[in-house]
Amino acid sequence: MKTSAETAAFAIALTFLTSACSPSARWEHPVLNERYWSYDVDACEGKAWSEAERDLAFRQPIINSPGKWPDRSLARNMARYSVQKEAEGLFATCMKSRGYRLVKTNKEE
């Protein structure tokens, strides 16, 4: 089971990952307005978070098993990175399934 610090760190990382592209790209829908965009981002973040958190919980017993990983901190970091990348992909897939596309923007915007 994850500690509250691990959960908080993961939440911060997920928020960072989903907003990291905002200066150079943004999700746009050809028809829906900003109100729907906010709802869809929240829904997709929730879905990505839920699935990624479940995946991390599945990996924890493997990482913590004695003898499996001599350097457990490295294994934990690798698992977190993998889950974070998975969450980023899940978020993008969710947004695309709702009709959004990632549009590159100028950094000055």
PDB file of N, CA and C in Angstrom:
ATOM      1  N   MET A   1       0.841  -1.182   0.000  1.00  0.00           N
ATOM      2  CA  MET A   1       0.000   0.000   0.000  1.00  0.00           C
ATOM      3  C   MET A   1       0.883   1.241   0.000  1.00  0.00           C
ATOM      4  N   LYS A   2       0.486   2.246  -0.748  1.00  0.00           N
ATOM      5  CA  LYS A   2       1.276   3.460  -0.858  1.00  0.00           C
ATOM      6  C   LYS A   2       1.083   4.342   0.359  1.00  0.00           C
ATOM      7  N   THR A   3       2.145   5.110   0.661  1.00  0.00           N
ATOM      8  CA  THR A   3       2.048   6.093   1.728  1.00  0.00           C
ATOM      9  C   THR A   3       1.383   7.345   1.174  1.00  0.00           C
ATOM     10  N   SER A   4       0.967   8.216   2.086  1.00  0.00           N
ATOM     11  CA  SER A   4       0.339   9.459   1.625  1.00  0.00           C
ATOM     12  C   SER A   4       1.345  10.330   0.885  1.00  0.00           C
ATOM     13  N   ALA A   5       2.629  10.251   1.242  1.00  0.00           N
ATOM     14  CA  ALA A   5       3.652  11.012   0.528  1.00  0.00           C
ATOM     15  C   ALA A   5       3.796  10.523  -0.903  1.00  0.00           C
ATOM     16  N   GLU A   6       3.749   9.199  -1.107  1.00  0.00           N
ATOM     17  CA  GLU A   6       3.831   8.658  -2.458  1.00  0.00           C
ATOM     18  C   GLU A   6       2.614   9.067  -3.275  1.00  0.00           C
ATOM     19  N   THR A   7       1.444   9.027  -2.662  1.00  0.00           N
ATOM     20  CA  THR A   7       0.224   9.423  -3.353  1.00  0.00           C
ATOM     21  C   THR A   7       0.281  10.897  -3.728  1.00  0.00           C
ATOM     22  N   ALA A   8       0.724  11.739  -2.804  1.00  0.00           N
ATOM     23  CA  ALA A   8       0.827  13.176  -3.078  1.00  0.00           C
ATOM     24  C   ALA A   8       1.835  13.444  -4.185  1.00  0.00           C
ATOM     25  N   ALA A   9       2.984  12.771  -4.136  1.00  0.00           N
ATOM     26  CA  ALA A   9       4.004  12.957  -5.165  1.00  0.00           C
ATOM     27  C   ALA A   9       3.474  12.538  -6.530  1.00  0.00           C
ATOM     28  N   PHE A  10       2.721  11.443  -6.552  1.00  0.00           N
ATOM     29  CA  PHE A  10       2.166  10.968  -7.817  1.00  0.00           C
ATOM     30  C   PHE A  10       1.123  11.949  -8.347  1.00  0.00           C
ATOM     31  N   ALA A  11       0.298  12.495  -7.476  1.00  0.00           N
ATOM     32  CA  ALA A  11      -0.719  13.463  -7.899  1.00  0.00           C
ATOM     33  C   ALA A  11      -0.063  14.708  -8.484  1.00  0.00           C
ATOM     34  N   ILE A  12       0.988  15.167  -7.843  1.00  0.00           N
ATOM     35  CA  ILE A  12       1.703  16.342  -8.334  1.00  0.00           C
ATOM     36  C   ILE A  12       2.327  16.042  -9.697  1.00  0.00           C
ATOM     37  N   ALA A  13       2.937  14.869  -9.812  1.00  0.00           N
ATOM     38  CA  ALA A  13       3.565  14.487 -11.076  1.00  0.00           C
ATOM     39  C   ALA A  13       2.537  14.389 -12.194  1.00  0.00           C
ATOM     40  N   LEU A  14       1.383  13.792 -11.901  1.00  0.00           N
ATOM     41  CA  LEU A  14       0.341  13.658 -12.914  1.00  0.00           C
ATOM     42  C   LEU A  14      -0.172  15.027 -13.347  1.00  0.00           C
ATOM     43  N   THR A  15      -0.376  15.919 -12.394  1.00  0.00           N
ATOM     44  CA  THR A  15      -0.819  17.272 -12.716  1.00  0.00           C
ATOM     45  C   THR A  15       0.213  17.971 -13.583  1.00  0.00           C
ATOM     46  N   PHE A  16       1.485  17.805 -13.215  1.00  0.00           N
ATOM     47  CA  PHE A  16       2.555  18.406 -14.006  1.00  0.00           C
ATOM     48  C   PHE A  16       2.572  17.842 -15.419  1.00  0.00           C
ATOM     49  N   LEU A  17       2.446  16.530 -15.540  1.00  0.00           N
ATOM     50  CA  LEU A  17       2.498  15.897 -16.860  1.00  0.00           C
ATOM     51  C   LEU A  17       1.353  16.357 -17.745  1.00  0.00           C
ATOM     52  N   THR A  18       0.166  16.499 -17.184  1.00  0.00           N
ATOM     53  CA  THR A  18      -0.980  16.872 -18.010  1.00  0.00           C
ATOM     54  C   THR A  18      -0.959  18.350 -18.364  1.00  0.00           C
ATOM     55  N   SER A  19      -0.235  19.148 -17.573  1.00  0.00           N
ATOM     56  CA  SER A  19      -0.157  20.571 -17.881  1.00  0.00           C
ATOM     57  C   SER A  19       1.178  20.962 -18.493  1.00  0.00           C
ATOM     58  N   ALA A  20       2.122  20.034 -18.546  1.00  0.00           N
ATOM     59  CA  ALA A  20       3.461  20.348 -19.028  1.00  0.00           C
ATOM     60  C   ALA A  20       3.457  20.828 -20.475  1.00  0.00           C
ATOM     61  N   CYS A  21       2.536  20.362 -21.264  1.00  0.00           N
ATOM     62  CA  CYS A  21       2.505  20.746 -22.669  1.00  0.00           C
ATOM     63  C   CYS A  21       1.797  22.075 -22.898  1.00  0.00           C
ATOM     64  N   SER A  22       1.209  22.649 -21.891  1.00  0.00           N
ATOM     65  CA  SER A  22       0.381  23.828 -22.087  1.00  0.00           C
ATOM     66  C   SER A  22       1.101  25.023 -22.699  1.00  0.00           C
ATOM     67  N   PRO A  23       2.381  25.308 -22.405  1.00  0.00           N
ATOM     68  CA  PRO A  23       2.991  26.460 -23.055  1.00  0.00           C
ATOM     69  C   PRO A  23       3.182  26.275 -24.565  1.00  0.00           C
ATOM     70  N   SER A  24       3.392  25.058 -25.032  1.00  0.00           N
ATOM     71  CA  SER A  24       3.671  24.850 -26.448  1.00  0.00           C
ATOM     72  C   SER A  24       2.554  24.098 -27.171  1.00  0.00           C
ATOM     73  N   ALA A  25       1.578  23.594 -26.458  1.00  0.00           N
ATOM     74  CA  ALA A  25       0.471  22.870 -27.079  1.00  0.00           C
ATOM     75  C   ALA A  25      -0.741  22.912 -26.160  1.00  0.00           C
ATOM     76  N   ARG A  26      -1.916  22.744 -26.770  1.00  0.00           N
ATOM     77  CA  ARG A  26      -3.139  22.687 -25.966  1.00  0.00           C
ATOM     78  C   ARG A  26      -4.138  21.777 -26.657  1.00  0.00           C
ATOM     79  N   TRP A  27      -5.058  21.261 -25.856  1.00  0.00           N
ATOM     80  CA  TRP A  27      -6.103  20.383 -26.384  1.00  0.00           C
ATOM     81  C   TRP A  27      -7.246  21.248 -26.887  1.00  0.00           C
ATOM     82  N   GLU A  28      -7.651  21.030 -28.128  1.00  0.00           N
ATOM     83  CA  GLU A  28      -8.750  21.781 -28.717  1.00  0.00           C
ATOM     84  C   GLU A  28      -9.787  20.830 -29.291  1.00  0.00           C
ATOM     85  N   HIS A  29     -11.037  21.269 -29.215  1.00  0.00           N
ATOM     86  CA  HIS A  29     -12.144  20.519 -29.802  1.00  0.00           C
ATOM     87  C   HIS A  29     -12.754  21.392 -30.889  1.00  0.00           C
ATOM     88  N   PRO A  30     -13.095  20.823 -32.027  1.00  0.00           N
ATOM     89  CA  PRO A  30     -13.615  21.644 -33.125  1.00  0.00           C
ATOM     90  C   PRO A  30     -14.970  22.289 -32.845  1.00  0.00           C
ATOM     91  N   VAL A  31     -15.736  21.747 -31.879  1.00  0.00           N
ATOM     92  CA  VAL A  31     -17.094  22.253 -31.660  1.00  0.00           C
ATOM     93  C   VAL A  31     -17.322  22.746 -30.227  1.00  0.00           C
ATOM     94  N   LEU A  32     -16.806  22.032 -29.248  1.00  0.00           N
ATOM     95  CA  LEU A  32     -17.128  22.319 -27.852  1.00  0.00           C
ATOM     96  C   LEU A  32     -16.410  23.561 -27.330  1.00  0.00           C
ATOM     97  N   ASN A  33     -17.070  24.239 -26.362  1.00  0.00           N
ATOM     98  CA  ASN A  33     -16.480  25.446 -25.793  1.00  0.00           C
ATOM     99  C   ASN A  33     -15.646  25.140 -24.546  1.00  0.00           C
ATOM    100  N   GLU A  34     -15.114  26.180 -23.933  1.00  0.00           N
ATOM    101  CA  GLU A  34     -14.203  26.072 -22.791  1.00  0.00           C
ATOM    102  C   GLU A  34     -14.828  25.338 -21.600  1.00  0.00           C
ATOM    103  N   ARG A  35     -16.103  25.503 -21.384  1.00  0.00           N
ATOM    104  CA  ARG A  35     -16.769  24.835 -20.262  1.00  0.00           C
ATOM    105  C   ARG A  35     -16.686  23.317 -20.402  1.00  0.00           C
ATOM    106  N   TYR A  36     -16.913  22.821 -21.582  1.00  0.00           N
ATOM    107  CA  TYR A  36     -16.814  21.385 -21.817  1.00  0.00           C
ATOM    108  C   TYR A  36     -15.373  20.910 -21.736  1.00  0.00           C
ATOM    109  N   TRP A  37     -14.448  21.746 -22.211  1.00  0.00           N
ATOM    110  CA  TRP A  37     -13.025  21.405 -22.147  1.00  0.00           C
ATOM    111  C   TRP A  37     -12.626  21.140 -20.697  1.00  0.00           C
ATOM    112  N   SER A  38     -13.025  22.011 -19.801  1.00  0.00           N
ATOM    113  CA  SER A  38     -12.686  21.857 -18.381  1.00  0.00           C
ATOM    114  C   SER A  38     -13.260  20.557 -17.822  1.00  0.00           C
ATOM    115  N   TYR A  39     -14.492  20.271 -18.156  1.00  0.00           N
ATOM    116  CA  TYR A  39     -15.130  19.026 -17.709  1.00  0.00           C
ATOM    117  C   TYR A  39     -14.385  17.809 -18.252  1.00  0.00           C
ATOM    118  N   ASP A  40     -14.048  17.849 -19.535  1.00  0.00           N
ATOM    119  CA  ASP A  40     -13.376  16.709 -20.160  1.00  0.00           C
ATOM    120  C   ASP A  40     -11.965  16.506 -19.612  1.00  0.00           C
ATOM    121  N   VAL A  41     -11.244  17.590 -19.366  1.00  0.00           N
ATOM    122  CA  VAL A  41      -9.903  17.468 -18.772  1.00  0.00           C
ATOM    123  C   VAL A  41     -10.009  16.829 -17.391  1.00  0.00           C
ATOM    124  N   ASP A  42     -10.950  17.294 -16.579  1.00  0.00           N
ATOM    125  CA  ASP A  42     -11.131  16.711 -15.248  1.00  0.00           C
ATOM    126  C   ASP A  42     -11.472  15.219 -15.335  1.00  0.00           C
ATOM    127  N   ALA A  43     -12.374  14.879 -16.241  1.00  0.00           N
ATOM    128  CA  ALA A  43     -12.782  13.479 -16.383  1.00  0.00           C
ATOM    129  C   ALA A  43     -11.615  12.615 -16.860  1.00  0.00           C
ATOM    130  N   CYS A  44     -10.854  13.096 -17.811  1.00  0.00           N
ATOM    131  CA  CYS A  44      -9.731  12.312 -18.336  1.00  0.00           C
ATOM    132  C   CYS A  44      -8.595  12.212 -17.322  1.00  0.00           C
ATOM    133  N   GLU A  45      -8.349  13.288 -16.563  1.00  0.00           N
ATOM    134  CA  GLU A  45      -7.342  13.209 -15.509  1.00  0.00           C
ATOM    135  C   GLU A  45      -7.758  12.181 -14.459  1.00  0.00           C
ATOM    136  N   GLY A  46      -9.031  12.194 -14.097  1.00  0.00           N
ATOM    137  CA  GLY A  46      -9.530  11.238 -13.107  1.00  0.00           C
ATOM    138  C   GLY A  46      -9.387   9.805 -13.595  1.00  0.00           C
ATOM    139  N   LYS A  47      -9.724   9.587 -14.854  1.00  0.00           N
ATOM    140  CA  LYS A  47      -9.618   8.244 -15.417  1.00  0.00           C
ATOM    141  C   LYS A  47      -8.154   7.806 -15.478  1.00  0.00           C
ATOM    142  N   ALA A  48      -7.279   8.679 -15.948  1.00  0.00           N
ATOM    143  CA  ALA A  48      -5.852   8.345 -16.041  1.00  0.00           C
ATOM    144  C   ALA A  48      -5.278   8.089 -14.656  1.00  0.00           C
ATOM    145  N   TRP A  49      -5.639   8.928 -13.696  1.00  0.00           N
ATOM    146  CA  TRP A  49      -5.165   8.775 -12.319  1.00  0.00           C
ATOM    147  C   TRP A  49      -5.602   7.433 -11.748  1.00  0.00           C
ATOM    148  N   SER A  50      -6.866   7.102 -11.924  1.00  0.00           N
ATOM    149  CA  SER A  50      -7.408   5.860 -11.377  1.00  0.00           C
ATOM    150  C   SER A  50      -6.697   4.634 -11.960  1.00  0.00           C
ATOM    151  N   GLU A  51      -6.546   4.611 -13.268  1.00  0.00           N
ATOM    152  CA  GLU A  51      -5.908   3.458 -13.908  1.00  0.00           C
ATOM    153  C   GLU A  51      -4.420   3.383 -13.566  1.00  0.00           C
ATOM    154  N   ALA A  52      -3.738   4.514 -13.545  1.00  0.00           N
ATOM    155  CA  ALA A  52      -2.313   4.520 -13.228  1.00  0.00           C
ATOM    156  C   ALA A  52      -2.079   4.158 -11.764  1.00  0.00           C
ATOM    157  N   GLU A  53      -2.935   4.640 -10.873  1.00  0.00           N
ATOM    158  CA  GLU A  53      -2.815   4.318  -9.449  1.00  0.00           C
ATOM    159  C   GLU A  53      -3.023   2.811  -9.235  1.00  0.00           C
ATOM    160  N   ARG A  54      -3.964   2.240  -9.941  1.00  0.00           N
ATOM    161  CA  ARG A  54      -4.197   0.803  -9.846  1.00  0.00           C
ATOM    162  C   ARG A  54      -2.972   0.030 -10.338  1.00  0.00           C
ATOM    163  N   ASP A  55      -2.365   0.501 -11.406  1.00  0.00           N
ATOM    164  CA  ASP A  55      -1.169  -0.142 -11.939  1.00  0.00           C
ATOM    165  C   ASP A  55      -0.013  -0.045 -10.946  1.00  0.00           C
ATOM    166  N   LEU A  56       0.162   1.113 -10.330  1.00  0.00           N
ATOM    167  CA  LEU A  56       1.229   1.284  -9.336  1.00  0.00           C
ATOM    168  C   LEU A  56       0.987   0.379  -8.136  1.00  0.00           C
ATOM    169  N   ALA A  57      -0.259   0.260  -7.703  1.00  0.00           N
ATOM    170  CA  ALA A  57      -0.579  -0.627  -6.575  1.00  0.00           C
ATOM    171  C   ALA A  57      -0.262  -2.073  -6.928  1.00  0.00           C
ATOM    172  N   PHE A  58      -0.490  -2.446  -8.176  1.00  0.00           N
ATOM    173  CA  PHE A  58      -0.174  -3.801  -8.633  1.00  0.00           C
ATOM    174  C   PHE A  58       1.331  -4.045  -8.606  1.00  0.00           C
ATOM    175  N   ARG A  59       2.109  -3.027  -8.939  1.00  0.00           N
ATOM    176  CA  ARG A  59       3.567  -3.170  -8.993  1.00  0.00           C
ATOM    177  C   ARG A  59       4.221  -3.161  -7.615  1.00  0.00           C
ATOM    178  N   GLN A  60       3.603  -2.542  -6.623  1.00  0.00           N
ATOM    179  CA  GLN A  60       4.231  -2.400  -5.303  1.00  0.00           C
ATOM    180  C   GLN A  60       4.662  -3.726  -4.685  1.00  0.00           C
ATOM    181  N   PRO A  61       3.819  -4.758  -4.657  1.00  0.00           N
ATOM    182  CA  PRO A  61       4.264  -6.027  -4.058  1.00  0.00           C
ATOM    183  C   PRO A  61       5.474  -6.626  -4.774  1.00  0.00           C
ATOM    184  N   ILE A  62       5.545  -6.459  -6.076  1.00  0.00           N
ATOM    185  CA  ILE A  62       6.673  -6.979  -6.843  1.00  0.00           C
ATOM    186  C   ILE A  62       7.942  -6.221  -6.474  1.00  0.00           C
ATOM    187  N   ILE A  63       7.841  -4.923  -6.384  1.00  0.00           N
ATOM    188  CA  ILE A  63       9.005  -4.088  -6.058  1.00  0.00           C
ATOM    189  C   ILE A  63       9.482  -4.362  -4.643  1.00  0.00           C
ATOM    190  N   ASN A  64       8.549  -4.549  -3.721  1.00  0.00           N
ATOM    191  CA  ASN A  64       8.903  -4.719  -2.309  1.00  0.00           C
ATOM    192  C   ASN A  64       9.292  -6.140  -1.933  1.00  0.00           C
ATOM    193  N   SER A  65       9.177  -7.102  -2.851  1.00  0.00           N
ATOM    194  CA  SER A  65       9.501  -8.481  -2.498  1.00  0.00           C
ATOM    195  C   SER A  65      11.006  -8.629  -2.272  1.00  0.00           C
ATOM    196  N   PRO A  66      11.393  -9.336  -1.192  1.00  0.00           N
ATOM    197  CA  PRO A  66      12.810  -9.483  -0.883  1.00  0.00           C
ATOM    198  C   PRO A  66      13.543 -10.245  -1.976  1.00  0.00           C
ATOM    199  N   GLY A  67      14.735  -9.779  -2.295  1.00  0.00           N
ATOM    200  CA  GLY A  67      15.566 -10.463  -3.264  1.00  0.00           C
ATOM    201  C   GLY A  67      15.236 -10.157  -4.714  1.00  0.00           C
ATOM    202  N   LYS A  68      14.063  -9.628  -4.979  1.00  0.00           N
ATOM    203  CA  LYS A  68      13.660  -9.349  -6.362  1.00  0.00           C
ATOM    204  C   LYS A  68      14.444  -8.163  -6.930  1.00  0.00           C
ATOM    205  N   TRP A  69      14.531  -7.097  -6.163  1.00  0.00           N
ATOM    206  CA  TRP A  69      15.227  -5.889  -6.596  1.00  0.00           C
ATOM    207  C   TRP A  69      16.269  -5.532  -5.537  1.00  0.00           C
ATOM    208  N   PRO A  70      17.559  -5.688  -5.829  1.00  0.00           N
ATOM    209  CA  PRO A  70      18.569  -5.352  -4.825  1.00  0.00           C
ATOM    210  C   PRO A  70      18.521  -3.876  -4.419  1.00  0.00           C
ATOM    211  N   ASP A  71      18.264  -2.999  -5.373  1.00  0.00           N
ATOM    212  CA  ASP A  71      18.162  -1.574  -5.066  1.00  0.00           C
ATOM    213  C   ASP A  71      16.699  -1.166  -5.208  1.00  0.00           C
ATOM    214  N   ARG A  72      15.971  -1.240  -4.131  1.00  0.00           N
ATOM    215  CA  ARG A  72      14.519  -0.975  -4.199  1.00  0.00           C
ATOM    216  C   ARG A  72      14.200   0.460  -4.574  1.00  0.00           C
ATOM    217  N   SER A  73      15.042   1.427  -4.185  1.00  0.00           N
ATOM    218  CA  SER A  73      14.742   2.814  -4.533  1.00  0.00           C
ATOM    219  C   SER A  73      14.787   2.999  -6.052  1.00  0.00           C
ATOM    220  N   LEU A  74      15.737   2.347  -6.715  1.00  0.00           N
ATOM    221  CA  LEU A  74      15.795   2.415  -8.171  1.00  0.00           C
ATOM    222  C   LEU A  74      14.554   1.768  -8.782  1.00  0.00           C
ATOM    223  N   ALA A  75      14.170   0.626  -8.273  1.00  0.00           N
ATOM    224  CA  ALA A  75      12.983  -0.063  -8.783  1.00  0.00           C
ATOM    225  C   ALA A  75      11.738   0.787  -8.586  1.00  0.00           C
ATOM    226  N   ARG A  76      11.606   1.426  -7.443  1.00  0.00           N
ATOM    227  CA  ARG A  76      10.436   2.290  -7.191  1.00  0.00           C
ATOM    228  C   ARG A  76      10.421   3.462  -8.167  1.00  0.00           C
ATOM    229  N   ASN A  77      11.594   4.074  -8.359  1.00  0.00           N
ATOM    230  CA  ASN A  77      11.660   5.208  -9.285  1.00  0.00           C
ATOM    231  C   ASN A  77      11.331   4.782 -10.705  1.00  0.00           C
ATOM    232  N   MET A  78      11.812   3.631 -11.103  1.00  0.00           N
ATOM    233  CA  MET A  78      11.503   3.126 -12.438  1.00  0.00           C
ATOM    234  C   MET A  78      10.008   2.841 -12.581  1.00  0.00           C
ATOM    235  N   ALA A  79       9.412   2.256 -11.562  1.00  0.00           N
ATOM    236  CA  ALA A  79       7.980   1.953 -11.596  1.00  0.00           C
ATOM    237  C   ALA A  79       7.163   3.240 -11.646  1.00  0.00           C
ATOM    238  N   ARG A  80       7.535   4.225 -10.845  1.00  0.00           N
ATOM    239  CA  ARG A  80       6.808   5.503 -10.850  1.00  0.00           C
ATOM    240  C   ARG A  80       6.910   6.183 -12.210  1.00  0.00           C
ATOM    241  N   TYR A  81       8.115   6.192 -12.779  1.00  0.00           N
ATOM    242  CA  TYR A  81       8.294   6.809 -14.087  1.00  0.00           C
ATOM    243  C   TYR A  81       7.424   6.105 -15.131  1.00  0.00           C
ATOM    244  N   SER A  82       7.447   4.796 -15.109  1.00  0.00           N
ATOM    245  CA  SER A  82       6.655   4.021 -16.055  1.00  0.00           C
ATOM    246  C   SER A  82       5.170   4.317 -15.906  1.00  0.00           C
ATOM    247  N   VAL A  83       4.700   4.372 -14.679  1.00  0.00           N
ATOM    248  CA  VAL A  83       3.282   4.645 -14.426  1.00  0.00           C
ATOM    249  C   VAL A  83       2.936   6.073 -14.829  1.00  0.00           C
ATOM    250  N   GLN A  84       3.849   7.026 -14.592  1.00  0.00           N
ATOM    251  CA  GLN A  84       3.595   8.409 -14.992  1.00  0.00           C
ATOM    252  C   GLN A  84       3.471   8.524 -16.507  1.00  0.00           C
ATOM    253  N   LYS A  85       4.345   7.838 -17.232  1.00  0.00           N
ATOM    254  CA  LYS A  85       4.257   7.854 -18.694  1.00  0.00           C
ATOM    255  C   LYS A  85       2.957   7.192 -19.158  1.00  0.00           C
ATOM    256  N   GLU A  86       2.570   6.123 -18.473  1.00  0.00           N
ATOM    257  CA  GLU A  86       1.316   5.453 -18.803  1.00  0.00           C
ATOM    258  C   GLU A  86       0.133   6.394 -18.572  1.00  0.00           C
ATOM    259  N   ALA A  87       0.151   7.119 -17.450  1.00  0.00           N
ATOM    260  CA  ALA A  87      -0.929   8.060 -17.143  1.00  0.00           C
ATOM    261  C   ALA A  87      -1.010   9.161 -18.193  1.00  0.00           C
ATOM    262  N   GLU A  88       0.133   9.640 -18.636  1.00  0.00           N
ATOM    263  CA  GLU A  88       0.154  10.664 -19.676  1.00  0.00           C
ATOM    264  C   GLU A  88      -0.487  10.131 -20.962  1.00  0.00           C
ATOM    265  N   GLY A  89      -0.153   8.902 -21.317  1.00  0.00           N
ATOM    266  CA  GLY A  89      -0.739   8.285 -22.503  1.00  0.00           C
ATOM    267  C   GLY A  89      -2.234   8.041 -22.356  1.00  0.00           C
ATOM    268  N   LEU A  90      -2.648   7.598 -21.157  1.00  0.00           N
ATOM    269  CA  LEU A  90      -4.071   7.369 -20.901  1.00  0.00           C
ATOM    270  C   LEU A  90      -4.859   8.671 -21.005  1.00  0.00           C
ATOM    271  N   PHE A  91      -4.282   9.753 -20.487  1.00  0.00           N
ATOM    272  CA  PHE A  91      -4.931  11.061 -20.565  1.00  0.00           C
ATOM    273  C   PHE A  91      -5.101  11.477 -22.037  1.00  0.00           C
ATOM    274  N   ALA A  92      -4.043  11.337 -22.815  1.00  0.00           N
ATOM    275  CA  ALA A  92      -4.100  11.715 -24.228  1.00  0.00           C
ATOM    276  C   ALA A  92      -5.124  10.864 -24.986  1.00  0.00           C
ATOM    277  N   THR A  93      -5.131   9.570 -24.716  1.00  0.00           N
ATOM    278  CA  THR A  93      -6.097   8.684 -25.364  1.00  0.00           C
ATOM    279  C   THR A  93      -7.528   9.083 -25.023  1.00  0.00           C
ATOM    280  N   CYS A  94      -7.755   9.413 -23.773  1.00  0.00           N
ATOM    281  CA  CYS A  94      -9.092   9.827 -23.331  1.00  0.00           C
ATOM    282  C   CYS A  94      -9.526  11.111 -24.044  1.00  0.00           C
ATOM    283  N   MET A  95      -8.621  12.089 -24.098  1.00  0.00           N
ATOM    284  CA  MET A  95      -8.968  13.356 -24.752  1.00  0.00           C
ATOM    285  C   MET A  95      -9.252  13.138 -26.237  1.00  0.00           C
ATOM    286  N   LYS A  96      -8.442  12.309 -26.892  1.00  0.00           N
ATOM    287  CA  LYS A  96      -8.667  12.026 -28.315  1.00  0.00           C
ATOM    288  C   LYS A  96      -9.999  11.319 -28.534  1.00  0.00           C
ATOM    289  N   SER A  97     -10.346  10.419 -27.596  1.00  0.00           N
ATOM    290  CA  SER A  97     -11.616   9.691 -27.744  1.00  0.00           C
ATOM    291  C   SER A  97     -12.817  10.616 -27.590  1.00  0.00           C
ATOM    292  N   ARG A  98     -12.609  11.771 -26.971  1.00  0.00           N
ATOM    293  CA  ARG A  98     -13.690  12.751 -26.808  1.00  0.00           C
ATOM    294  C   ARG A  98     -13.695  13.784 -27.931  1.00  0.00           C
ATOM    295  N   GLY A  99     -12.837  13.581 -28.926  1.00  0.00           N
ATOM    296  CA  GLY A  99     -12.841  14.458 -30.087  1.00  0.00           C
ATOM    297  C   GLY A  99     -11.831  15.585 -30.050  1.00  0.00           C
ATOM    298  N   TYR A 100     -10.956  15.626 -29.062  1.00  0.00           N
ATOM    299  CA  TYR A 100      -9.953  16.680 -28.960  1.00  0.00           C
ATOM    300  C   TYR A 100      -8.716  16.301 -29.748  1.00  0.00           C
ATOM    301  N   ARG A 101      -7.950  17.323 -30.095  1.00  0.00           N
ATOM    302  CA  ARG A 101      -6.641  17.090 -30.695  1.00  0.00           C
ATOM    303  C   ARG A 101      -5.651  18.048 -30.058  1.00  0.00           C
ATOM    304  N   LEU A 102      -4.426  17.622 -29.970  1.00  0.00           N
ATOM    305  CA  LEU A 102      -3.365  18.427 -29.375  1.00  0.00           C
ATOM    306  C   LEU A 102      -2.811  19.341 -30.462  1.00  0.00           C
ATOM    307  N   VAL A 103      -2.939  20.649 -30.226  1.00  0.00           N
ATOM    308  CA  VAL A 103      -2.532  21.651 -31.214  1.00  0.00           C
ATOM    309  C   VAL A 103      -1.346  22.419 -30.675  1.00  0.00           C
ATOM    310  N   LYS A 104      -0.283  22.490 -31.478  1.00  0.00           N
ATOM    311  CA  LYS A 104       0.896  23.252 -31.076  1.00  0.00           C
ATOM    312  C   LYS A 104       0.578  24.745 -31.155  1.00  0.00           C
ATOM    313  N   THR A 105       1.113  25.479 -30.191  1.00  0.00           N
ATOM    314  CA  THR A 105       0.901  26.920 -30.134  1.00  0.00           C
ATOM    315  C   THR A 105       2.257  27.606 -30.022  1.00  0.00           C
ATOM    316  N   ASN A 106       2.231  28.916 -30.195  1.00  0.00           N
ATOM    317  CA  ASN A 106       3.442  29.699 -29.949  1.00  0.00           C
ATOM    318  C   ASN A 106       3.637  29.853 -28.463  1.00  0.00           C
ATOM    319  N   LYS A 107       4.869  29.857 -28.002  1.00  0.00           N
ATOM    320  CA  LYS A 107       5.142  29.968 -26.577  1.00  0.00           C
ATOM    321  C   LYS A 107       4.723  31.313 -26.007  1.00  0.00           C
ATOM    322  N   GLU A 108       4.607  32.344 -26.853  1.00  0.00           N
ATOM    323  CA  GLU A 108       4.216  33.679 -26.367  1.00  0.00           C
ATOM    324  C   GLU A 108       2.747  33.764 -25.997  1.00  0.00           C
ATOM    325  N   GLU A 109       1.918  32.841 -26.478  1.00  0.00           N
ATOM    326  CA  GLU A 109       0.463  32.916 -26.223  1.00  0.00           C
ATOM    327  C   GLU A 109       0.142  32.719 -24.780  1.00  0.00           C
TER     328      GLU A 109
END
